[in-house]
Structure formats: C-alpha cells, structure tokens
Amino acid sequence: MSKKERVALVTVIIEAALAGFWWYLASYGMANPDHVTADFQQVVGQTMGTTMGALLGIGVMLFFVAACNDRKTIENKMRRELLSATIPTLQTIPCRQNATRSVASYAASARPAGHRHCG
C-alpha cells in the first residue's frame, strides 16, 4: 500500500469518527434539551465543523507530501534496479599488477586467491 493510499485511508477513518461523534453530540442535545445550553447545537456545529475542516486540510497537505515521497521512492527503486542490472555487465576493473578482476569478484571478497596485491 502506498503512502498516498495510507494517508487517504486514515483521513477518511478520522473524518468518519468525527462525523459520528458530531452526530452523537447533536442527538444528545436534541434528546436532552434540559441538560444543555440554548446555543449547544450552534457551538457543537461550529466546533466540530472547524475541527473536521482543519483535519481535512491537514490530510490534503499530507496527501501531497506522501505523493511526493512515493514518487521519490519509485525513482530511487528504479535507480537501484538500473545500477544492479548494469554493474554485472561491466567488463573488468584493472588491478595494480596488470591483472584484471571482474566486478563480481570485487563483490565476492576483498582479496580473492591469486591476486595478493590487488584490492
């Protein structure tokens, strides 16, 4: 799952939870008018609307940051794959004794047998 998808999923879950809490507070205010103030519905609406709007705005910004990070991750992955595909195809790397060693032998060990002065 990409970072964009995770951010979108978490934002939707948080917004749904806040909407449910808002619904609960609104229904509580209607069911118990003697336990709440006269402006309870207005205060709850302004507070929850502001909270949900702010979190949605933060979620949108995080979505764009996650999209940028996903793009960088894909670019780095492609770069690594390109490097891993081209390194074994290199011919040879010269040593100090006019001997040659392949890239695979450099990767396999620091001093392969028969090349005491190389590396």
N, C-alpha and C. Protein backbone atom coordinates (compact mmCIF):
# COMPACT_ATOMS: atom_id res chain seq x y z
N MET A 1 0.85 -1.16 0.00
CA MET A 1 0.00 0.00 0.00
C MET A 1 0.90 1.23 0.00
N SER A 2 0.65 2.14 -0.90
CA SER A 2 1.49 3.34 -1.00
C SER A 2 1.15 4.31 0.13
N LYS A 3 2.03 5.27 0.31
CA LYS A 3 1.83 6.26 1.36
C LYS A 3 0.60 7.11 1.07
N LYS A 4 0.35 7.39 -0.20
CA LYS A 4 -0.85 8.16 -0.57
C LYS A 4 -2.11 7.42 -0.12
N GLU A 5 -2.15 6.14 -0.39
CA GLU A 5 -3.33 5.35 -0.02
C GLU A 5 -3.51 5.30 1.48
N ARG A 6 -2.40 5.17 2.21
CA ARG A 6 -2.49 5.14 3.68
C ARG A 6 -3.00 6.46 4.23
N VAL A 7 -2.48 7.58 3.70
CA VAL A 7 -2.93 8.89 4.17
C VAL A 7 -4.42 9.07 3.89
N ALA A 8 -4.85 8.71 2.69
CA ALA A 8 -6.26 8.84 2.34
C ALA A 8 -7.14 7.97 3.24
N LEU A 9 -6.72 6.76 3.49
CA LEU A 9 -7.49 5.84 4.33
C LEU A 9 -7.59 6.36 5.76
N VAL A 10 -6.49 6.81 6.33
CA VAL A 10 -6.50 7.32 7.70
C VAL A 10 -7.35 8.59 7.79
N THR A 11 -7.25 9.46 6.78
CA THR A 11 -8.05 10.68 6.79
C THR A 11 -9.55 10.35 6.75
N VAL A 12 -9.93 9.41 5.91
CA VAL A 12 -11.35 9.02 5.83
C VAL A 12 -11.82 8.42 7.16
N ILE A 13 -11.00 7.59 7.78
CA ILE A 13 -11.39 6.97 9.05
C ILE A 13 -11.55 8.03 10.14
N ILE A 14 -10.61 8.97 10.22
CA ILE A 14 -10.69 10.01 11.25
C ILE A 14 -11.90 10.91 11.00
N GLU A 15 -12.13 11.29 9.75
CA GLU A 15 -13.28 12.14 9.43
C GLU A 15 -14.59 11.41 9.76
N ALA A 16 -14.66 10.13 9.48
CA ALA A 16 -15.88 9.36 9.79
C ALA A 16 -16.10 9.28 11.29
N ALA A 17 -15.01 9.11 12.05
CA ALA A 17 -15.14 9.06 13.51
C ALA A 17 -15.62 10.41 14.04
N LEU A 18 -15.08 11.50 13.52
CA LEU A 18 -15.52 12.82 13.96
C LEU A 18 -16.97 13.08 13.57
N ALA A 19 -17.38 12.63 12.39
CA ALA A 19 -18.77 12.80 11.97
C ALA A 19 -19.70 12.01 12.89
N GLY A 20 -19.28 10.81 13.27
CA GLY A 20 -20.08 10.01 14.21
C GLY A 20 -20.19 10.67 15.57
N PHE A 21 -19.09 11.24 16.04
CA PHE A 21 -19.10 11.94 17.33
C PHE A 21 -19.99 13.18 17.25
N TRP A 22 -19.92 13.88 16.12
CA TRP A 22 -20.77 15.06 15.91
C TRP A 22 -22.24 14.64 15.93
N TRP A 23 -22.56 13.55 15.25
CA TRP A 23 -23.94 13.04 15.23
C TRP A 23 -24.40 12.68 16.64
N TYR A 24 -23.53 12.04 17.40
CA TYR A 24 -23.86 11.68 18.77
C TYR A 24 -24.15 12.92 19.61
N LEU A 25 -23.29 13.94 19.51
CA LEU A 25 -23.50 15.16 20.30
C LEU A 25 -24.78 15.88 19.88
N ALA A 26 -25.06 15.92 18.59
CA ALA A 26 -26.27 16.58 18.12
C ALA A 26 -27.52 15.84 18.61
N SER A 27 -27.51 14.52 18.55
CA SER A 27 -28.67 13.76 19.01
C SER A 27 -28.81 13.83 20.53
N TYR A 28 -27.68 13.91 21.24
CA TYR A 28 -27.75 14.08 22.69
C TYR A 28 -28.38 15.42 23.05
N GLY A 29 -27.99 16.47 22.32
CA GLY A 29 -28.56 17.79 22.58
C GLY A 29 -30.05 17.84 22.30
N MET A 30 -30.52 17.12 21.26
CA MET A 30 -31.95 17.10 20.94
C MET A 30 -32.72 16.24 21.94
N ALA A 31 -32.10 15.16 22.41
CA ALA A 31 -32.79 14.25 23.33
C ALA A 31 -32.85 14.81 24.75
N ASN A 32 -31.89 15.64 25.11
CA ASN A 32 -31.83 16.17 26.47
C ASN A 32 -31.74 17.70 26.46
N PRO A 33 -32.77 18.37 26.02
CA PRO A 33 -32.69 19.83 25.93
C PRO A 33 -32.56 20.52 27.30
N ASP A 34 -32.97 19.84 28.36
CA ASP A 34 -32.87 20.45 29.69
C ASP A 34 -31.46 20.33 30.28
N HIS A 35 -30.60 19.48 29.72
CA HIS A 35 -29.23 19.30 30.22
C HIS A 35 -28.19 20.12 29.46
N VAL A 36 -28.58 20.77 28.39
CA VAL A 36 -27.64 21.53 27.58
C VAL A 36 -28.07 22.99 27.51
N THR A 37 -27.14 23.85 27.12
CA THR A 37 -27.46 25.27 27.00
C THR A 37 -28.27 25.51 25.72
N ALA A 38 -28.78 26.71 25.61
CA ALA A 38 -29.64 27.05 24.47
C ALA A 38 -28.86 27.06 23.16
N ASP A 39 -27.59 27.43 23.22
CA ASP A 39 -26.79 27.50 21.99
C ASP A 39 -25.90 26.26 21.80
N PHE A 40 -26.27 25.15 22.42
CA PHE A 40 -25.47 23.93 22.35
C PHE A 40 -25.28 23.44 20.91
N GLN A 41 -26.36 23.38 20.14
CA GLN A 41 -26.27 22.88 18.76
C GLN A 41 -25.35 23.77 17.92
N GLN A 42 -25.45 25.08 18.11
CA GLN A 42 -24.61 26.00 17.34
C GLN A 42 -23.14 25.84 17.71
N VAL A 43 -22.85 25.73 19.00
CA VAL A 43 -21.46 25.58 19.46
C VAL A 43 -20.88 24.25 18.97
N VAL A 44 -21.66 23.18 19.09
CA VAL A 44 -21.19 21.87 18.62
C VAL A 44 -20.95 21.90 17.12
N GLY A 45 -21.86 22.51 16.37
CA GLY A 45 -21.71 22.59 14.91
C GLY A 45 -20.48 23.37 14.51
N GLN A 46 -20.24 24.51 15.14
CA GLN A 46 -19.07 25.32 14.81
C GLN A 46 -17.78 24.60 15.19
N THR A 47 -17.77 24.01 16.38
CA THR A 47 -16.56 23.35 16.86
C THR A 47 -16.22 22.13 16.01
N MET A 48 -17.19 21.27 15.78
CA MET A 48 -16.93 20.05 15.02
C MET A 48 -16.66 20.38 13.55
N GLY A 49 -17.36 21.35 12.99
CA GLY A 49 -17.12 21.74 11.61
C GLY A 49 -15.72 22.29 11.42
N THR A 50 -15.28 23.12 12.37
CA THR A 50 -13.92 23.66 12.30
C THR A 50 -12.89 22.56 12.45
N THR A 51 -13.12 21.66 13.38
CA THR A 51 -12.18 20.55 13.61
C THR A 51 -12.08 19.66 12.37
N MET A 52 -13.21 19.30 11.82
CA MET A 52 -13.20 18.43 10.64
C MET A 52 -12.58 19.12 9.44
N GLY A 53 -12.87 20.41 9.27
CA GLY A 53 -12.27 21.16 8.17
C GLY A 53 -10.77 21.28 8.30
N ALA A 54 -10.29 21.55 9.52
CA ALA A 54 -8.84 21.67 9.74
C ALA A 54 -8.14 20.33 9.49
N LEU A 55 -8.72 19.25 10.01
CA LEU A 55 -8.09 17.94 9.80
C LEU A 55 -8.14 17.53 8.33
N LEU A 56 -9.20 17.90 7.63
CA LEU A 56 -9.26 17.59 6.19
C LEU A 56 -8.19 18.38 5.44
N GLY A 57 -7.99 19.65 5.83
CA GLY A 57 -6.93 20.44 5.20
C GLY A 57 -5.56 19.86 5.44
N ILE A 58 -5.30 19.43 6.68
CA ILE A 58 -4.02 18.79 7.00
C ILE A 58 -3.88 17.48 6.22
N GLY A 59 -4.98 16.74 6.09
CA GLY A 59 -4.95 15.49 5.34
C GLY A 59 -4.61 15.71 3.88
N VAL A 60 -5.13 16.79 3.28
CA VAL A 60 -4.82 17.10 1.88
C VAL A 60 -3.34 17.43 1.73
N MET A 61 -2.82 18.25 2.65
CA MET A 61 -1.39 18.57 2.58
C MET A 61 -0.53 17.32 2.75
N LEU A 62 -0.90 16.46 3.69
CA LEU A 62 -0.15 15.22 3.90
C LEU A 62 -0.25 14.31 2.68
N PHE A 63 -1.39 14.35 1.99
CA PHE A 63 -1.55 13.55 0.78
C PHE A 63 -0.54 13.98 -0.28
N PHE A 64 -0.37 15.29 -0.47
CA PHE A 64 0.59 15.77 -1.46
C PHE A 64 2.02 15.45 -1.06
N VAL A 65 2.33 15.53 0.23
CA VAL A 65 3.67 15.16 0.70
C VAL A 65 3.90 13.66 0.47
N ALA A 66 2.89 12.85 0.76
CA ALA A 66 3.01 11.40 0.54
C ALA A 66 3.18 11.08 -0.95
N ALA A 67 2.48 11.82 -1.81
CA ALA A 67 2.62 11.60 -3.25
C ALA A 67 4.04 11.91 -3.70
N CYS A 68 4.61 12.99 -3.16
CA CYS A 68 5.99 13.35 -3.49
C CYS A 68 6.95 12.26 -2.99
N ASN A 69 6.73 11.77 -1.78
CA ASN A 69 7.58 10.71 -1.24
C ASN A 69 7.44 9.42 -2.03
N ASP A 70 6.23 9.10 -2.47
CA ASP A 70 6.04 7.91 -3.30
C ASP A 70 6.81 8.03 -4.60
N ARG A 71 6.75 9.22 -5.22
CA ARG A 71 7.47 9.42 -6.47
C ARG A 71 8.98 9.27 -6.26
N LYS A 72 9.50 9.83 -5.17
CA LYS A 72 10.93 9.70 -4.89
C LYS A 72 11.31 8.25 -4.62
N THR A 73 10.45 7.53 -3.94
CA THR A 73 10.72 6.12 -3.66
C THR A 73 10.78 5.31 -4.95
N ILE A 74 9.85 5.58 -5.86
CA ILE A 74 9.85 4.86 -7.14
C ILE A 74 11.09 5.21 -7.95
N GLU A 75 11.48 6.49 -7.95
CA GLU A 75 12.69 6.89 -8.67
C GLU A 75 13.93 6.22 -8.09
N ASN A 76 14.04 6.18 -6.77
CA ASN A 76 15.19 5.53 -6.14
C ASN A 76 15.20 4.03 -6.42
N LYS A 77 14.02 3.42 -6.41
CA LYS A 77 13.93 1.99 -6.69
C LYS A 77 14.37 1.70 -8.13
N MET A 78 13.92 2.54 -9.06
CA MET A 78 14.32 2.36 -10.46
C MET A 78 15.82 2.57 -10.62
N ARG A 79 16.37 3.55 -9.91
CA ARG A 79 17.81 3.81 -9.99
C ARG A 79 18.60 2.62 -9.44
N ARG A 80 18.14 2.05 -8.31
CA ARG A 80 18.83 0.88 -7.75
C ARG A 80 18.75 -0.31 -8.70
N GLU A 81 17.58 -0.53 -9.30
CA GLU A 81 17.44 -1.64 -10.25
C GLU A 81 18.33 -1.44 -11.46
N LEU A 82 18.42 -0.20 -11.91
CA LEU A 82 19.27 0.09 -13.06
C LEU A 82 20.73 -0.16 -12.72
N LEU A 83 21.15 0.26 -11.53
CA LEU A 83 22.53 0.02 -11.12
C LEU A 83 22.82 -1.46 -10.94
N SER A 84 21.91 -2.19 -10.34
CA SER A 84 22.14 -3.62 -10.13
C SER A 84 22.14 -4.37 -11.46
N ALA A 85 21.44 -3.85 -12.46
CA ALA A 85 21.42 -4.51 -13.76
C ALA A 85 22.68 -4.18 -14.56
N THR A 86 23.29 -3.02 -14.36
CA THR A 86 24.44 -2.63 -15.17
C THR A 86 25.76 -3.03 -14.55
N ILE A 87 25.88 -3.15 -13.25
CA ILE A 87 27.15 -3.48 -12.62
C ILE A 87 27.68 -4.84 -13.05
N PRO A 88 26.90 -5.91 -13.07
CA PRO A 88 27.46 -7.19 -13.52
C PRO A 88 27.86 -7.21 -14.98
N THR A 89 27.37 -6.29 -15.79
CA THR A 89 27.72 -6.30 -17.20
C THR A 89 29.01 -5.55 -17.50
N LEU A 90 29.59 -4.90 -16.51
CA LEU A 90 30.88 -4.25 -16.73
C LEU A 90 31.94 -5.30 -17.04
N GLN A 91 32.86 -4.96 -17.91
CA GLN A 91 33.86 -5.94 -18.32
C GLN A 91 34.78 -6.32 -17.17
N THR A 92 35.75 -5.50 -16.89
CA THR A 92 36.70 -5.80 -15.82
C THR A 92 37.19 -4.50 -15.20
N ILE A 93 37.76 -4.63 -14.04
CA ILE A 93 38.38 -3.49 -13.35
C ILE A 93 39.85 -3.82 -13.19
N PRO A 94 40.77 -2.98 -13.67
CA PRO A 94 42.20 -3.30 -13.61
C PRO A 94 42.74 -3.23 -12.18
N CYS A 95 43.72 -4.11 -11.90
CA CYS A 95 44.43 -4.12 -10.63
C CYS A 95 45.81 -3.50 -10.83
N ARG A 96 46.58 -3.44 -9.77
CA ARG A 96 47.91 -2.84 -9.85
C ARG A 96 48.91 -3.71 -10.60
N GLN A 97 48.72 -5.01 -10.66
CA GLN A 97 49.68 -5.92 -11.30
C GLN A 97 49.30 -6.23 -12.74
N ASN A 98 48.59 -5.38 -13.39
CA ASN A 98 48.13 -5.60 -14.76
C ASN A 98 47.20 -6.80 -14.87
N ALA A 99 46.76 -7.30 -13.76
CA ALA A 99 45.78 -8.37 -13.78
C ALA A 99 44.40 -7.71 -13.79
N THR A 100 43.42 -8.47 -14.15
CA THR A 100 42.07 -7.91 -14.16
C THR A 100 41.17 -8.77 -13.30
N ARG A 101 40.21 -8.09 -12.70
CA ARG A 101 39.21 -8.79 -11.89
C ARG A 101 37.84 -8.31 -12.31
N SER A 102 36.89 -9.20 -12.28
CA SER A 102 35.53 -8.81 -12.64
C SER A 102 34.87 -8.12 -11.45
N VAL A 103 33.80 -7.45 -11.71
CA VAL A 103 33.06 -6.78 -10.66
C VAL A 103 32.53 -7.79 -9.66
N ALA A 104 32.15 -8.95 -10.14
CA ALA A 104 31.63 -9.98 -9.25
C ALA A 104 32.68 -10.41 -8.23
N SER A 105 33.96 -10.46 -8.65
CA SER A 105 34.99 -10.86 -7.69
C SER A 105 35.24 -9.76 -6.67
N TYR A 106 35.06 -8.50 -7.05
CA TYR A 106 35.15 -7.42 -6.06
C TYR A 106 34.04 -7.54 -5.03
N ALA A 107 32.88 -7.88 -5.50
CA ALA A 107 31.75 -8.01 -4.59
C ALA A 107 31.87 -9.25 -3.72
N ALA A 108 32.47 -10.32 -4.27
CA ALA A 108 32.55 -11.58 -3.53
C ALA A 108 33.50 -11.49 -2.35
N SER A 109 34.66 -10.90 -2.54
CA SER A 109 35.60 -10.81 -1.43
C SER A 109 36.57 -9.67 -1.68
N ALA A 110 37.22 -9.24 -0.63
CA ALA A 110 38.16 -8.13 -0.75
C ALA A 110 39.47 -8.59 -1.41
N ARG A 111 39.94 -9.81 -1.13
CA ARG A 111 41.18 -10.32 -1.68
C ARG A 111 40.99 -11.75 -2.17
N PRO A 112 40.60 -11.93 -3.41
CA PRO A 112 40.45 -13.30 -3.90
C PRO A 112 41.81 -13.98 -4.08
N ALA A 113 41.80 -15.30 -4.10
CA ALA A 113 43.03 -16.05 -4.24
C ALA A 113 43.70 -15.75 -5.57
N GLY A 114 45.03 -15.60 -5.56
CA GLY A 114 45.77 -15.37 -6.78
C GLY A 114 46.03 -13.90 -7.06
N HIS A 115 45.45 -13.03 -6.32
CA HIS A 115 45.64 -11.58 -6.51
C HIS A 115 46.05 -10.97 -5.16
N ARG A 116 47.21 -11.28 -4.70
CA ARG A 116 47.62 -10.81 -3.39
C ARG A 116 47.76 -9.30 -3.32
N HIS A 117 48.20 -8.66 -4.40
CA HIS A 117 48.47 -7.24 -4.35
C HIS A 117 47.31 -6.40 -4.86
N CYS A 118 46.23 -7.02 -5.21
CA CYS A 118 45.08 -6.27 -5.73
C CYS A 118 44.13 -5.93 -4.59
N GLY A 119 43.36 -4.90 -4.80
CA GLY A 119 42.30 -4.58 -3.87
C GLY A 119 42.72 -3.59 -2.88
